[in-house]
Amino acid sequence: MSVFSQSFSPCGRFLAAGNNYGEIALFSLSAALSPDASEGSQKPILNFTAHDGPVFSLLSTDTHLLSAGNGEISAWSWAELIKKVSQLFSKCMCIFLGLGKMYISFHCCDNSLIVGGGDNNIHIMDMETGIFKSVLKGHTDYIHCLCFKEREEEILSGGEDGAVRIWDSRTNRPVHCIEVFKYEECARPQFGKWISCLATDSDWMLCGGGPSLSLWHLRSMSPTSVFPLPGCQREAVFHQDLIMSVGEGPYVSHCLHGGTVKAQIPCTPSSLNTLALNLKNTEHRVMTVGGSSHQIDVFTNFSYRAFSLSF
């Protein structure tokens, strides 16, 4: 089994995880983090089949859990999922797009779902009506990752074509295109040019995949730091003065903005696909990582593994 995706509930008390078999498991963080936690507390309170193939992406809104599979997106009511009544809860929405492997992001300002997939395009859906209102065209190969830059209302997309494209969500027009693999300090031809992870924080962007994980200043459109991490990085996030990244290898890398790898924290899976931070409240403040294992590692202070959830 491999865990591909994770998302925390709006209240921060639950974790949803998706695997390569199309299953979604729901874990109670309250139970797992309790002083009275047992082995049973680290197992799902609910497990159900969401898609015929892998659950490539999970995303939470204030009311729903969204899952993206092979050509379809489904929505599940968080209120119903948390009730744990597996015979009664149902999909609120299921949309078939035929885009193959898909990834999703959310634009909360205008309640839009951003979808990238195998047709090389980005599709914008109105969450109120379920109608796709625009298509952003520019990538020449399928899209691996998406993120949204709130302040500028910009969409960032990374694809198999090695490009990071930046779009103005208000006009749906392209703003910039960065071909990361063409920068000598980032390029790693032995791994390819594909972009597998993206993150933004104010005027800064993280991106990596085939090219080395690198930190970019978005005003100058230039890389300021390149991180000496082996293999391809699959997810990276900003957290306070650190950058945390996972990919090939059994560890979470803690990096400084200047390019130094400060620490590498051992994990259970031999290779990692997903990293999630739950910062909604101090009681359930955790980092969780998943990959090529049925176990999802939980970190309570981000510097060592506290325990593992079992899918």
Protein backbone atom coordinates (compact mmCIF):
# COMPACT_ATOMS: atom_id res chain seq x y z
CA MET A 1 0.00 0.00 0.00
CA SER A 2 1.03 3.59 -0.63
CA VAL A 3 -0.52 6.72 0.90
CA PHE A 4 -0.82 9.44 -1.75
CA SER A 5 -2.82 12.23 -0.12
CA GLN A 6 -3.92 13.75 3.19
CA SER A 7 -6.21 16.51 4.46
CA PHE A 8 -7.29 17.66 7.92
CA SER A 9 -10.90 18.39 8.82
CA PRO A 10 -11.96 22.04 9.24
CA CYS A 11 -12.02 21.59 13.04
CA GLY A 12 -8.53 20.05 13.01
CA ARG A 13 -9.62 16.99 15.01
CA PHE A 14 -9.61 14.48 12.13
CA LEU A 15 -7.23 13.39 9.38
CA ALA A 16 -8.35 11.94 6.05
CA ALA A 17 -5.83 9.93 4.01
CA GLY A 18 -6.12 8.41 0.53
CA ASN A 19 -4.23 5.41 -0.83
CA ASN A 20 -3.37 3.73 -4.13
CA TYR A 21 -6.40 1.41 -3.89
CA GLY A 22 -8.92 4.25 -4.01
CA GLU A 23 -9.68 4.07 -0.29
CA ILE A 24 -10.06 6.98 2.13
CA ALA A 25 -9.41 6.41 5.84
CA LEU A 26 -10.56 8.82 8.54
CA PHE A 27 -8.53 9.02 11.77
CA SER A 28 -9.44 10.71 15.04
CA LEU A 29 -6.50 12.86 16.14
CA SER A 30 -8.25 13.49 19.44
CA ALA A 31 -8.18 9.77 20.21
CA ALA A 32 -4.68 9.17 18.85
CA LEU A 33 -3.18 12.08 20.83
CA SER A 34 -5.02 11.30 24.06
CA PRO A 35 -2.94 10.27 27.11
CA ASP A 36 -5.15 7.16 27.20
CA ALA A 37 -4.52 6.28 23.54
CA SER A 38 -4.28 2.59 22.71
CA GLU A 39 -3.28 0.70 19.59
CA GLY A 40 -6.89 0.91 18.46
CA SER A 41 -6.77 4.71 18.68
CA GLN A 42 -4.24 4.71 15.84
CA LYS A 43 -6.56 2.90 13.43
CA PRO A 44 -9.25 4.46 11.20
CA ILE A 45 -12.65 5.25 12.63
CA LEU A 46 -13.94 4.98 9.07
CA ASN A 47 -12.60 3.42 5.88
CA PHE A 48 -14.40 3.49 2.54
CA THR A 49 -13.73 3.14 -1.19
CA ALA A 50 -13.91 6.53 -2.91
CA HIS A 51 -12.49 5.82 -6.39
CA ASP A 52 -11.68 2.88 -8.65
CA GLY A 53 -8.02 3.93 -8.77
CA PRO A 54 -5.65 5.92 -6.53
CA VAL A 55 -6.80 8.92 -4.51
CA PHE A 56 -4.29 11.38 -5.95
CA SER A 57 -5.45 14.46 -4.07
CA LEU A 58 -7.55 15.39 -1.00
CA LEU A 59 -8.73 18.87 -0.08
CA SER A 60 -10.92 20.24 2.72
CA THR A 61 -13.30 23.18 2.55
CA ASP A 62 -15.29 24.49 5.52
CA THR A 63 -17.93 21.83 4.96
CA HIS A 64 -16.65 19.14 2.58
CA LEU A 65 -13.82 16.75 1.86
CA LEU A 66 -12.98 16.67 -1.85
CA SER A 67 -11.16 13.75 -3.43
CA ALA A 68 -9.61 13.50 -6.89
CA GLY A 69 -9.09 10.13 -8.53
CA ASN A 70 -8.46 8.90 -12.03
CA GLY A 71 -10.73 11.19 -14.05
CA GLU A 72 -13.27 12.03 -11.34
CA ILE A 73 -13.78 14.36 -8.38
CA SER A 74 -16.04 13.47 -5.45
CA ALA A 75 -17.26 15.53 -2.50
CA TRP A 76 -18.10 14.17 0.95
CA SER A 77 -19.83 16.01 3.78
CA TRP A 78 -17.48 16.33 6.77
CA ALA A 79 -20.49 16.32 9.11
CA GLU A 80 -21.62 12.94 7.77
CA LEU A 81 -18.12 11.46 7.71
CA ILE A 82 -17.49 12.36 11.34
CA LYS A 83 -20.71 10.66 12.37
CA LYS A 84 -18.98 7.40 11.31
CA VAL A 85 -22.26 5.98 9.96
CA SER A 86 -20.68 4.17 7.05
CA GLN A 87 -24.02 2.85 5.77
CA LEU A 88 -25.64 6.29 5.62
CA PHE A 89 -23.13 8.80 4.35
CA SER A 90 -23.09 9.47 0.62
CA LYS A 91 -21.35 11.52 -2.00
CA CYS A 92 -22.60 15.09 -2.30
CA MET A 93 -21.07 15.43 -5.74
CA CYS A 94 -19.31 13.28 -8.29
CA ILE A 95 -17.96 14.80 -11.50
CA PHE A 96 -16.38 12.74 -14.28
CA LEU A 97 -13.85 14.69 -16.32
CA GLY A 98 -11.83 12.02 -18.09
CA LEU A 99 -8.60 13.89 -17.35
CA GLY A 100 -6.70 10.90 -15.94
CA LYS A 101 -4.56 11.59 -12.89
CA MET A 102 -5.85 14.82 -11.29
CA TYR A 103 -4.86 17.34 -8.63
CA ILE A 104 -7.05 19.97 -7.00
CA SER A 105 -6.71 23.28 -5.16
CA PHE A 106 -9.26 25.71 -3.74
CA HIS A 107 -9.76 29.46 -4.23
CA CYS A 108 -11.75 30.50 -1.13
CA CYS A 109 -12.27 34.11 -2.26
CA ASP A 110 -14.74 33.18 -4.99
CA ASN A 111 -15.51 29.59 -3.92
CA SER A 112 -13.81 28.02 -6.92
CA LEU A 113 -12.25 24.59 -7.30
CA ILE A 114 -9.06 24.51 -9.37
CA VAL A 115 -8.43 21.23 -11.21
CA GLY A 116 -5.34 20.15 -13.14
CA GLY A 117 -5.04 16.86 -14.97
CA GLY A 118 -4.02 14.78 -17.91
CA ASP A 119 -5.38 17.05 -20.66
CA ASN A 120 -2.60 19.59 -19.83
CA ASN A 121 -5.17 22.25 -18.87
CA ILE A 122 -6.43 23.87 -15.67
CA HIS A 123 -10.18 23.83 -15.15
CA ILE A 124 -11.96 26.29 -12.82
CA MET A 125 -15.25 25.12 -11.31
CA ASP A 126 -17.84 27.17 -9.43
CA MET A 127 -18.45 25.19 -6.23
CA GLU A 128 -21.96 26.60 -5.82
CA THR A 129 -23.24 25.43 -9.19
CA GLY A 130 -20.80 22.64 -10.09
CA ILE A 131 -20.28 24.33 -13.47
CA PHE A 132 -16.81 24.70 -14.99
CA LYS A 133 -16.51 28.36 -15.87
CA SER A 134 -13.08 28.61 -17.48
CA VAL A 135 -10.09 26.67 -18.82
CA LEU A 136 -6.48 27.84 -18.59
CA LYS A 137 -4.34 26.57 -21.46
CA GLY A 138 -0.57 26.73 -21.72
CA HIS A 139 1.05 23.57 -20.38
CA THR A 140 2.18 21.09 -23.02
CA ASP A 141 2.05 18.01 -20.79
CA TYR A 142 -0.02 16.85 -17.84
CA ILE A 143 -0.18 18.80 -14.60
CA HIS A 144 1.30 17.44 -11.36
CA CYS A 145 0.67 20.18 -8.79
CA LEU A 146 -1.29 23.34 -8.07
CA CYS A 147 -1.31 26.04 -5.44
CA PHE A 148 -3.03 29.38 -4.92
CA LYS A 149 -1.38 32.67 -3.96
CA GLU A 150 -4.04 34.47 -1.92
CA ARG A 151 -2.71 38.04 -1.84
CA GLU A 152 -2.27 38.39 -5.60
CA GLU A 153 -5.10 35.94 -6.39
CA GLU A 154 -2.75 33.95 -8.60
CA ILE A 155 -2.81 30.27 -9.51
CA LEU A 156 0.51 28.42 -9.80
CA SER A 157 0.74 25.16 -11.72
CA GLY A 158 3.59 22.72 -12.29
CA GLY A 159 3.69 20.08 -14.98
CA GLU A 160 5.46 17.24 -16.73
CA ASP A 161 6.66 19.82 -19.27
CA GLY A 162 9.01 21.29 -16.63
CA ALA A 163 7.21 24.63 -16.45
CA VAL A 164 5.78 26.53 -13.50
CA ARG A 165 3.04 28.74 -14.86
CA ILE A 166 1.52 31.65 -12.96
CA TRP A 167 -2.02 32.77 -13.83
CA ASP A 168 -4.13 35.76 -12.78
CA SER A 169 -7.32 34.14 -11.44
CA ARG A 170 -9.30 37.36 -11.99
CA THR A 171 -8.64 37.50 -15.74
CA ASN A 172 -7.63 33.83 -16.34
CA ARG A 173 -4.61 35.12 -18.23
CA PRO A 174 -1.02 33.86 -17.91
CA VAL A 175 1.32 36.14 -15.95
CA HIS A 176 4.66 34.29 -16.02
CA CYS A 177 6.19 31.00 -17.15
CA ILE A 178 9.32 29.67 -15.43
CA GLU A 179 11.06 26.74 -17.12
CA VAL A 180 12.96 25.56 -14.06
CA PHE A 181 15.00 22.91 -15.88
CA LYS A 182 16.68 25.61 -18.00
CA TYR A 183 18.41 27.08 -14.94
CA GLU A 184 21.77 25.35 -14.62
CA GLU A 185 21.81 25.47 -10.82
CA CYS A 186 18.43 23.66 -10.66
CA ALA A 187 18.67 21.25 -13.60
CA ARG A 188 19.14 17.50 -13.05
CA PRO A 189 18.73 15.88 -16.48
CA GLN A 190 19.13 12.41 -14.97
CA PHE A 191 15.79 12.86 -13.17
CA GLY A 192 13.94 14.71 -15.93
CA LYS A 193 12.35 18.14 -16.00
CA TRP A 194 8.93 17.48 -14.43
CA ILE A 195 7.66 19.63 -11.54
CA SER A 196 6.08 17.59 -8.74
CA CYS A 197 5.69 20.09 -5.89
CA LEU A 198 4.83 23.77 -5.44
CA ALA A 199 4.33 26.05 -2.45
CA THR A 200 4.18 29.81 -1.96
CA ASP A 201 4.66 32.22 0.93
CA SER A 202 4.29 35.93 0.23
CA ASP A 203 6.86 36.75 -2.50
CA TRP A 204 8.51 33.32 -2.36
CA MET A 205 7.96 30.03 -4.17
CA LEU A 206 9.24 26.50 -3.63
CA CYS A 207 9.35 24.08 -6.54
CA GLY A 208 11.02 20.77 -7.26
CA GLY A 209 10.72 17.38 -8.89
CA GLY A 210 13.19 16.39 -11.57
CA PRO A 211 15.02 19.67 -10.95
CA SER A 212 16.40 20.21 -7.45
CA LEU A 213 14.09 21.67 -4.84
CA SER A 214 14.68 25.42 -5.04
CA LEU A 215 13.49 28.66 -3.46
CA TRP A 216 12.49 31.45 -5.85
CA HIS A 217 11.89 35.16 -5.36
CA LEU A 218 8.75 35.84 -7.36
CA ARG A 219 9.41 39.54 -7.91
CA SER A 220 12.75 38.89 -9.57
CA MET A 221 11.71 35.50 -11.01
CA SER A 222 15.04 33.98 -10.02
CA PRO A 223 16.19 31.13 -7.73
CA THR A 224 17.84 32.31 -4.51
CA SER A 225 18.59 28.89 -2.96
CA VAL A 226 18.95 25.35 -4.26
CA PHE A 227 18.70 22.57 -1.69
CA PRO A 228 21.19 19.65 -1.93
CA LEU A 229 18.59 16.90 -1.48
CA PRO A 230 18.99 13.58 -3.31
CA GLY A 231 16.18 12.18 -5.42
CA CYS A 232 12.92 13.87 -6.40
CA GLN A 233 10.97 15.87 -3.82
CA ARG A 234 7.21 15.27 -3.93
CA GLU A 235 5.90 17.81 -1.41
CA ALA A 236 7.36 20.86 0.30
CA VAL A 237 5.90 23.45 2.68
CA PHE A 238 6.91 26.68 4.38
CA HIS A 239 6.71 26.66 8.17
CA GLN A 240 7.98 29.61 10.19
CA ASP A 241 11.71 29.93 9.38
CA LEU A 242 11.93 26.42 7.93
CA ILE A 243 11.17 24.64 4.69
CA MET A 244 10.05 21.03 5.14
CA SER A 245 10.20 18.57 2.28
CA VAL A 246 9.53 14.88 1.54
CA GLY A 247 10.29 12.66 -1.44
CA GLU A 248 12.57 9.77 -2.22
CA GLY A 249 14.12 8.57 1.02
CA PRO A 250 12.76 7.73 4.51
CA TYR A 251 12.98 11.18 6.08
CA VAL A 252 11.52 14.68 6.35
CA SER A 253 14.12 17.28 5.42
CA HIS A 254 14.24 20.52 7.44
CA CYS A 255 15.91 23.22 5.33
CA LEU A 256 16.86 26.82 5.98
CA HIS A 257 15.94 29.51 3.46
CA GLY A 258 19.61 30.05 2.70
CA GLY A 259 19.92 26.56 1.20
CA THR A 260 21.28 24.57 4.16
CA VAL A 261 19.73 21.22 5.12
CA LYS A 262 19.39 21.62 8.89
CA ALA A 263 18.12 18.11 9.73
CA GLN A 264 16.63 14.98 8.24
CA ILE A 265 14.05 13.34 10.49
CA PRO A 266 13.68 9.53 10.09
CA CYS A 267 10.29 8.14 9.02
CA THR A 268 8.73 4.69 8.73
CA PRO A 269 8.02 4.54 4.94
CA SER A 270 11.08 4.05 2.72
CA SER A 271 9.78 6.75 0.34
CA LEU A 272 7.38 9.62 1.05
CA ASN A 273 4.58 11.11 -1.06
CA THR A 274 2.71 13.50 1.20
CA LEU A 275 3.32 15.88 4.11
CA ALA A 276 0.59 17.80 5.94
CA LEU A 277 0.66 20.34 8.78
CA ASN A 278 -2.28 20.72 11.15
CA LEU A 279 -1.93 24.17 12.71
CA LYS A 280 -5.59 24.85 13.41
CA ASN A 281 -5.30 24.49 17.20
CA THR A 282 -2.57 23.74 19.72
CA GLU A 283 -4.31 20.63 21.04
CA HIS A 284 -4.04 18.83 17.69
CA ARG A 285 -0.96 20.55 16.27
CA VAL A 286 0.84 17.83 14.31
CA MET A 287 2.74 17.06 11.14
CA THR A 288 1.80 13.86 9.33
CA VAL A 289 3.66 12.13 6.50
CA GLY A 290 2.75 9.16 4.33
CA GLY A 291 4.31 7.16 1.53
CA SER A 292 5.18 3.61 0.56
CA SER A 293 3.63 2.02 3.65
CA HIS A 294 0.27 1.53 5.34
CA GLN A 295 1.64 3.61 8.22
CA ILE A 296 1.27 7.39 8.48
CA ASP A 297 3.86 8.92 10.79
CA VAL A 298 2.72 11.57 13.27
CA PHE A 299 5.08 14.25 14.61
CA THR A 300 3.96 16.35 17.58
CA ASN A 301 6.98 18.68 17.74
CA PHE A 302 8.11 18.20 14.11
CA SER A 303 11.58 17.03 15.22
CA TYR A 304 10.87 13.33 15.83
CA ARG A 305 8.21 10.74 15.09
CA ALA A 306 5.82 10.35 18.02
CA PHE A 307 3.82 7.38 16.67
CA SER A 308 2.26 6.02 13.50
CA LEU A 309 -1.34 5.72 12.38
CA SER A 310 -2.20 2.47 10.60
CA PHE A 311 -4.29 2.65 7.40
